Amino acid sequence: MCKAFIFDLDGVITDTAELHYQAWQRMADEEGYYFDREINEKLRGVSRQASLNIILNGKTISEEKFETLMTRKNGYYVELLNTISAKDILPGIESFLLELKARGIKVALASASKNARPILHRLGLTSLFDAIGDGWSVKRSKPAPDVFIHAAGQVGVNVDECIVVEDAEAGIDAAIDAGMRVVGIGPDERVGHATWRFTDTKSMNLGDILG
């Protein structure tokens, strides 16, 4: 039985991946760090701290500079977020959320992003979520299962009664570790280990998932 759906944000509700890429690229260019779209793919679904470590690629910097770079990147990203609106909701997502609400199924967000709440607000979707788990909610980010377990607790549903919607390998791993079934959005090589897989959000069908 499914009593709750838990959604990732980036790449599932809206595609902020390009904005993250632009913000990281600007920071990397300023610091002289090599960064490209191939490296950016490795950042999908992981925290800001883990992302910067991937970009540094073994380079050692002071803790103070590390914090400064994360803050600077986030500032660039927040600037870009000001352009987001309801037009940026991924295809099929709003109607999927409304169908879940109509069926009485709880809806939660579980994102590594510390900007999740303002993003949902700008998209006009906040009222469709019963709970929000974000980068402020737990200490350990994906691929640790903590944010999914937190979201399940917020809506009062057991982990084995939750279905997660994710587009990142790290997120799917986290959901499986939490004891949840997973809908993977994307290519087989990235999300093929999910319980169900759809190529994109538009093709996601609740009937196919719930049976």
C-alpha atoms as a PDB file:
ATOM      1  CA  MET A   1       0.000   0.000   0.000  1.00  0.00           C
ATOM      2  CA  CYS A   2       1.155   3.550  -0.737  1.00  0.00           C
ATOM      3  CA  LYS A   3       0.231   6.299   1.719  1.00  0.00           C
ATOM      4  CA  ALA A   4       2.769   8.946   0.685  1.00  0.00           C
ATOM      5  CA  PHE A   5       4.780  10.126  -2.308  1.00  0.00           C
ATOM      6  CA  ILE A   6       8.075  11.855  -1.582  1.00  0.00           C
ATOM      7  CA  PHE A   7       9.544  13.995  -4.359  1.00  0.00           C
ATOM      8  CA  ASP A   8      13.042  15.165  -5.080  1.00  0.00           C
ATOM      9  CA  LEU A   9      13.113  18.767  -6.317  1.00  0.00           C
ATOM     10  CA  ASP A  10      15.817  19.370  -8.926  1.00  0.00           C
ATOM     11  CA  GLY A  11      15.061  17.434 -12.099  1.00  0.00           C
ATOM     12  CA  VAL A  12      11.696  16.182 -10.805  1.00  0.00           C
ATOM     13  CA  ILE A  13       9.561  19.205  -9.841  1.00  0.00           C
ATOM     14  CA  THR A  14      11.576  21.759 -11.816  1.00  0.00           C
ATOM     15  CA  ASP A  15      14.875  21.633 -13.642  1.00  0.00           C
ATOM     16  CA  THR A  16      17.266  23.892 -11.770  1.00  0.00           C
ATOM     17  CA  ALA A  17      20.255  21.818 -12.912  1.00  0.00           C
ATOM     18  CA  GLU A  18      21.157  24.393 -15.555  1.00  0.00           C
ATOM     19  CA  LEU A  19      21.083  27.190 -12.969  1.00  0.00           C
ATOM     20  CA  HIS A  20      23.346  25.155 -10.662  1.00  0.00           C
ATOM     21  CA  TYR A  21      25.701  24.552 -13.587  1.00  0.00           C
ATOM     22  CA  GLN A  22      25.898  28.262 -14.433  1.00  0.00           C
ATOM     23  CA  ALA A  23      26.547  29.194 -10.789  1.00  0.00           C
ATOM     24  CA  TRP A  24      29.270  26.549 -10.308  1.00  0.00           C
ATOM     25  CA  GLN A  25      30.844  27.469 -13.653  1.00  0.00           C
ATOM     26  CA  ARG A  26      31.055  31.136 -12.707  1.00  0.00           C
ATOM     27  CA  MET A  27      32.678  30.303  -9.363  1.00  0.00           C
ATOM     28  CA  ALA A  28      35.086  27.786 -10.951  1.00  0.00           C
ATOM     29  CA  ASP A  29      36.121  30.251 -13.660  1.00  0.00           C
ATOM     30  CA  GLU A  30      36.833  32.912 -11.042  1.00  0.00           C
ATOM     31  CA  GLU A  31      39.009  30.501  -9.046  1.00  0.00           C
ATOM     32  CA  GLY A  32      40.712  28.833 -12.000  1.00  0.00           C
ATOM     33  CA  TYR A  33      39.213  25.370 -11.298  1.00  0.00           C
ATOM     34  CA  TYR A  34      38.473  23.137 -14.261  1.00  0.00           C
ATOM     35  CA  PHE A  35      34.742  22.516 -14.599  1.00  0.00           C
ATOM     36  CA  ASP A  36      32.540  21.310 -17.450  1.00  0.00           C
ATOM     37  CA  ARG A  37      29.160  19.684 -18.064  1.00  0.00           C
ATOM     38  CA  GLU A  38      30.578  16.181 -17.619  1.00  0.00           C
ATOM     39  CA  ILE A  39      31.757  17.066 -14.103  1.00  0.00           C
ATOM     40  CA  ASN A  40      28.428  18.803 -13.499  1.00  0.00           C
ATOM     41  CA  GLU A  41      26.601  15.494 -14.096  1.00  0.00           C
ATOM     42  CA  LYS A  42      28.454  14.069 -11.076  1.00  0.00           C
ATOM     43  CA  LEU A  43      26.897  16.792  -8.909  1.00  0.00           C
ATOM     44  CA  ARG A  44      23.350  15.605  -9.601  1.00  0.00           C
ATOM     45  CA  GLY A  45      21.524  14.901  -6.345  1.00  0.00           C
ATOM     46  CA  VAL A  46      24.430  15.607  -3.979  1.00  0.00           C
ATOM     47  CA  SER A  47      24.929  18.395  -1.434  1.00  0.00           C
ATOM     48  CA  ARG A  48      26.680  21.709  -2.023  1.00  0.00           C
ATOM     49  CA  GLN A  49      29.613  20.584   0.139  1.00  0.00           C
ATOM     50  CA  ALA A  50      29.991  17.299  -1.736  1.00  0.00           C
ATOM     51  CA  SER A  51      29.683  19.157  -5.064  1.00  0.00           C
ATOM     52  CA  LEU A  52      32.525  21.519  -4.200  1.00  0.00           C
ATOM     53  CA  ASN A  53      34.709  18.569  -3.174  1.00  0.00           C
ATOM     54  CA  ILE A  54      34.085  16.986  -6.577  1.00  0.00           C
ATOM     55  CA  ILE A  55      35.048  20.233  -8.327  1.00  0.00           C
ATOM     56  CA  LEU A  56      38.200  20.606  -6.195  1.00  0.00           C
ATOM     57  CA  ASN A  57      39.224  17.095  -7.298  1.00  0.00           C
ATOM     58  CA  GLY A  58      41.656  16.572  -4.438  1.00  0.00           C
ATOM     59  CA  LYS A  59      42.889  20.179  -4.177  1.00  0.00           C
ATOM     60  CA  THR A  60      43.325  21.301  -0.569  1.00  0.00           C
ATOM     61  CA  ILE A  61      41.981  24.678   0.534  1.00  0.00           C
ATOM     62  CA  SER A  62      41.348  26.153   3.973  1.00  0.00           C
ATOM     63  CA  GLU A  63      38.051  25.534   5.712  1.00  0.00           C
ATOM     64  CA  GLU A  64      37.375  29.268   5.618  1.00  0.00           C
ATOM     65  CA  LYS A  65      37.869  29.449   1.835  1.00  0.00           C
ATOM     66  CA  PHE A  66      35.754  26.328   1.374  1.00  0.00           C
ATOM     67  CA  GLU A  67      32.854  28.025   3.180  1.00  0.00           C
ATOM     68  CA  THR A  68      33.422  31.241   1.216  1.00  0.00           C
ATOM     69  CA  LEU A  69      33.248  29.417  -2.125  1.00  0.00           C
ATOM     70  CA  MET A  70      30.060  27.575  -1.180  1.00  0.00           C
ATOM     71  CA  THR A  71      28.454  30.839  -0.079  1.00  0.00           C
ATOM     72  CA  ARG A  72      29.542  32.619  -3.270  1.00  0.00           C
ATOM     73  CA  LYS A  73      28.197  29.852  -5.505  1.00  0.00           C
ATOM     74  CA  ASN A  74      24.890  29.883  -3.628  1.00  0.00           C
ATOM     75  CA  GLY A  75      24.662  33.646  -4.056  1.00  0.00           C
ATOM     76  CA  TYR A  76      25.025  33.271  -7.824  1.00  0.00           C
ATOM     77  CA  TYR A  77      22.427  30.486  -7.812  1.00  0.00           C
ATOM     78  CA  VAL A  78      19.926  32.512  -5.768  1.00  0.00           C
ATOM     79  CA  GLU A  79      20.317  35.391  -8.255  1.00  0.00           C
ATOM     80  CA  LEU A  80      19.394  33.008 -11.069  1.00  0.00           C
ATOM     81  CA  LEU A  81      16.441  31.633  -9.075  1.00  0.00           C
ATOM     82  CA  ASN A  82      14.760  35.023  -9.322  1.00  0.00           C
ATOM     83  CA  THR A  83      13.872  34.107 -12.916  1.00  0.00           C
ATOM     84  CA  ILE A  84      11.915  30.968 -11.890  1.00  0.00           C
ATOM     85  CA  SER A  85       8.089  30.915 -11.996  1.00  0.00           C
ATOM     86  CA  ALA A  86       5.197  28.504 -12.561  1.00  0.00           C
ATOM     87  CA  LYS A  87       6.222  28.200 -16.221  1.00  0.00           C
ATOM     88  CA  ASP A  88       9.254  26.212 -15.027  1.00  0.00           C
ATOM     89  CA  ILE A  89       7.276  23.346 -13.442  1.00  0.00           C
ATOM     90  CA  LEU A  90       8.241  20.207 -15.355  1.00  0.00           C
ATOM     91  CA  PRO A  91       5.564  18.751 -17.673  1.00  0.00           C
ATOM     92  CA  GLY A  92       2.900  16.629 -15.984  1.00  0.00           C
ATOM     93  CA  ILE A  93       4.057  17.319 -12.423  1.00  0.00           C
ATOM     94  CA  GLU A  94       1.312  19.685 -11.293  1.00  0.00           C
ATOM     95  CA  SER A  95      -1.483  17.383 -12.519  1.00  0.00           C
ATOM     96  CA  PHE A  96       0.299  14.395 -10.887  1.00  0.00           C
ATOM     97  CA  LEU A  97       0.434  16.241  -7.553  1.00  0.00           C
ATOM     98  CA  LEU A  98      -3.253  17.184  -7.829  1.00  0.00           C
ATOM     99  CA  GLU A  99      -4.168  13.546  -8.545  1.00  0.00           C
ATOM    100  CA  LEU A 100      -2.287  12.427  -5.430  1.00  0.00           C
ATOM    101  CA  LYS A 101      -4.120  15.004  -3.318  1.00  0.00           C
ATOM    102  CA  ALA A 102      -7.469  13.915  -4.797  1.00  0.00           C
ATOM    103  CA  ARG A 103      -6.713  10.314  -3.775  1.00  0.00           C
ATOM    104  CA  GLY A 104      -5.817  11.362  -0.228  1.00  0.00           C
ATOM    105  CA  ILE A 105      -2.174  10.362  -0.616  1.00  0.00           C
ATOM    106  CA  LYS A 106       0.281  12.466   1.399  1.00  0.00           C
ATOM    107  CA  VAL A 107       2.842  14.505  -0.554  1.00  0.00           C
ATOM    108  CA  ALA A 108       6.267  15.477   0.759  1.00  0.00           C
ATOM    109  CA  LEU A 109       9.466  16.967  -0.606  1.00  0.00           C
ATOM    110  CA  ALA A 110      12.921  15.567   0.164  1.00  0.00           C
ATOM    111  CA  SER A 111      15.662  17.665  -1.368  1.00  0.00           C
ATOM    112  CA  ALA A 112      19.334  18.255  -0.652  1.00  0.00           C
ATOM    113  CA  SER A 113      18.749  21.909  -1.544  1.00  0.00           C
ATOM    114  CA  LYS A 114      18.687  24.574   1.158  1.00  0.00           C
ATOM    115  CA  ASN A 115      16.703  26.696  -1.310  1.00  0.00           C
ATOM    116  CA  ALA A 116      13.830  24.206  -1.632  1.00  0.00           C
ATOM    117  CA  ARG A 117      11.206  26.310   0.171  1.00  0.00           C
ATOM    118  CA  PRO A 118      11.733  29.520  -1.840  1.00  0.00           C
ATOM    119  CA  ILE A 119      11.805  27.503  -5.066  1.00  0.00           C
ATOM    120  CA  LEU A 120       8.467  25.834  -4.293  1.00  0.00           C
ATOM    121  CA  HIS A 121       7.059  29.251  -3.401  1.00  0.00           C
ATOM    122  CA  ARG A 122       8.186  30.760  -6.714  1.00  0.00           C
ATOM    123  CA  LEU A 123       6.661  27.802  -8.567  1.00  0.00           C
ATOM    124  CA  GLY A 124       3.375  28.292  -6.697  1.00  0.00           C
ATOM    125  CA  LEU A 125       3.342  24.677  -5.461  1.00  0.00           C
ATOM    126  CA  THR A 126       3.825  25.041  -1.693  1.00  0.00           C
ATOM    127  CA  SER A 127       0.146  24.381  -0.908  1.00  0.00           C
ATOM    128  CA  LEU A 128       0.312  20.960  -2.616  1.00  0.00           C
ATOM    129  CA  PHE A 129       2.947  19.648  -0.193  1.00  0.00           C
ATOM    130  CA  ASP A 130       2.132  18.329   3.271  1.00  0.00           C
ATOM    131  CA  ALA A 131       5.771  18.451   4.406  1.00  0.00           C
ATOM    132  CA  ILE A 132       9.136  19.731   3.213  1.00  0.00           C
ATOM    133  CA  GLY A 133      12.453  18.074   3.951  1.00  0.00           C
ATOM    134  CA  ASP A 134      15.430  20.070   2.688  1.00  0.00           C
ATOM    135  CA  GLY A 135      19.099  20.801   3.246  1.00  0.00           C
ATOM    136  CA  TRP A 136      18.252  22.373   6.610  1.00  0.00           C
ATOM    137  CA  SER A 137      16.314  19.335   7.875  1.00  0.00           C
ATOM    138  CA  VAL A 138      19.080  16.759   8.335  1.00  0.00           C
ATOM    139  CA  LYS A 139      22.844  16.722   8.791  1.00  0.00           C
ATOM    140  CA  ARG A 140      23.627  13.954   6.319  1.00  0.00           C
ATOM    141  CA  SER A 141      22.664  14.585   2.708  1.00  0.00           C
ATOM    142  CA  LYS A 142      21.943  12.053  -0.038  1.00  0.00           C
ATOM    143  CA  PRO A 143      23.086   9.314  -0.664  1.00  0.00           C
ATOM    144  CA  ALA A 144      22.364   8.959   3.082  1.00  0.00           C
ATOM    145  CA  PRO A 145      18.654   8.108   3.535  1.00  0.00           C
ATOM    146  CA  ASP A 146      18.075  10.704   6.286  1.00  0.00           C
ATOM    147  CA  VAL A 147      16.050  13.300   4.363  1.00  0.00           C
ATOM    148  CA  PHE A 148      13.616  10.643   3.075  1.00  0.00           C
ATOM    149  CA  ILE A 149      13.159   9.178   6.552  1.00  0.00           C
ATOM    150  CA  HIS A 150      12.638  12.710   7.894  1.00  0.00           C
ATOM    151  CA  ALA A 151       9.986  13.450   5.236  1.00  0.00           C
ATOM    152  CA  ALA A 152       8.140  10.195   6.006  1.00  0.00           C
ATOM    153  CA  GLY A 153       8.111  11.096   9.685  1.00  0.00           C
ATOM    154  CA  GLN A 154       6.762  14.559   8.919  1.00  0.00           C
ATOM    155  CA  VAL A 155       3.707  13.083   7.186  1.00  0.00           C
ATOM    156  CA  GLY A 156       3.368  10.228   9.713  1.00  0.00           C
ATOM    157  CA  VAL A 157       3.823   7.378   7.246  1.00  0.00           C
ATOM    158  CA  ASN A 158       5.994   4.252   7.570  1.00  0.00           C
ATOM    159  CA  VAL A 159       8.926   4.033   5.172  1.00  0.00           C
ATOM    160  CA  ASP A 160       7.569   0.912   3.451  1.00  0.00           C
ATOM    161  CA  GLU A 161       4.375   2.821   2.623  1.00  0.00           C
ATOM    162  CA  CYS A 162       6.263   5.607   0.795  1.00  0.00           C
ATOM    163  CA  ILE A 163       7.145   5.922  -2.878  1.00  0.00           C
ATOM    164  CA  VAL A 164       9.976   8.274  -3.820  1.00  0.00           C
ATOM    165  CA  VAL A 165      10.285  10.109  -7.143  1.00  0.00           C
ATOM    166  CA  GLU A 166      13.939  10.765  -8.045  1.00  0.00           C
ATOM    167  CA  ASP A 167      16.098  11.560 -11.072  1.00  0.00           C
ATOM    168  CA  ALA A 168      19.533  11.083  -9.490  1.00  0.00           C
ATOM    169  CA  GLU A 169      21.443   7.872  -8.820  1.00  0.00           C
ATOM    170  CA  ALA A 170      22.459   9.125  -5.358  1.00  0.00           C
ATOM    171  CA  GLY A 171      18.825   9.876  -4.534  1.00  0.00           C
ATOM    172  CA  ILE A 172      17.614   6.465  -5.653  1.00  0.00           C
ATOM    173  CA  ASP A 173      20.324   4.811  -3.554  1.00  0.00           C
ATOM    174  CA  ALA A 174      19.217   6.900  -0.562  1.00  0.00           C
ATOM    175  CA  ALA A 175      15.545   5.993  -1.008  1.00  0.00           C
ATOM    176  CA  ILE A 176      16.343   2.275  -1.312  1.00  0.00           C
ATOM    177  CA  ASP A 177      18.482   2.500   1.835  1.00  0.00           C
ATOM    178  CA  ALA A 178      15.502   4.111   3.575  1.00  0.00           C
ATOM    179  CA  GLY A 179      13.406   1.048   2.705  1.00  0.00           C
ATOM    180  CA  MET A 180      11.242   2.847   0.151  1.00  0.00           C
ATOM    181  CA  ARG A 181      10.168   1.991  -3.387  1.00  0.00           C
ATOM    182  CA  VAL A 182      11.368   4.410  -6.051  1.00  0.00           C
ATOM    183  CA  VAL A 183      10.179   5.928  -9.314  1.00  0.00           C
ATOM    184  CA  GLY A 184      13.230   6.824 -11.408  1.00  0.00           C
ATOM    185  CA  ILE A 185      13.010   9.662 -13.931  1.00  0.00           C
ATOM    186  CA  GLY A 186      15.634   9.499 -16.666  1.00  0.00           C
ATOM    187  CA  PRO A 187      17.786   7.097 -18.687  1.00  0.00           C
ATOM    188  CA  ASP A 188      18.234   3.465 -17.701  1.00  0.00           C
ATOM    189  CA  GLU A 189      21.964   3.870 -17.072  1.00  0.00           C
ATOM    190  CA  ARG A 190      21.243   6.454 -14.371  1.00  0.00           C
ATOM    191  CA  VAL A 191      17.970   5.338 -12.782  1.00  0.00           C
ATOM    192  CA  GLY A 192      17.591   1.747 -13.975  1.00  0.00           C
ATOM    193  CA  HIS A 193      17.869   0.374 -10.434  1.00  0.00           C
ATOM    194  CA  ALA A 194      14.628   2.120  -9.404  1.00  0.00           C
ATOM    195  CA  THR A 195      11.419   0.110  -8.842  1.00  0.00           C
ATOM    196  CA  TRP A 196       9.771   1.850 -11.800  1.00  0.00           C
ATOM    197  CA  ARG A 197      11.354   3.977 -14.524  1.00  0.00           C
ATOM    198  CA  PHE A 198       9.957   6.687 -16.763  1.00  0.00           C
ATOM    199  CA  THR A 199      11.899   8.602 -19.401  1.00  0.00           C
ATOM    200  CA  ASP A 200      10.565  11.959 -18.242  1.00  0.00           C
ATOM    201  CA  THR A 201       7.998  13.509 -15.904  1.00  0.00           C
ATOM    202  CA  LYS A 202       5.399  13.847 -18.668  1.00  0.00           C
ATOM    203  CA  SER A 203       5.301  10.060 -19.155  1.00  0.00           C
ATOM    204  CA  MET A 204       4.953   9.307 -15.416  1.00  0.00           C
ATOM    205  CA  ASN A 205       1.606   7.579 -14.819  1.00  0.00           C
ATOM    206  CA  LEU A 206       0.092   7.023 -11.386  1.00  0.00           C
ATOM    207  CA  GLY A 207      -1.956   4.050 -12.569  1.00  0.00           C
ATOM    208  CA  ASP A 208       1.174   2.249 -13.765  1.00  0.00           C
ATOM    209  CA  ILE A 209       2.824   2.820 -10.387  1.00  0.00           C
ATOM    210  CA  LEU A 210      -0.058   1.918  -8.063  1.00  0.00           C
ATOM    211  CA  GLY A 211      -1.374  -0.848 -10.295  1.00  0.00           C
END
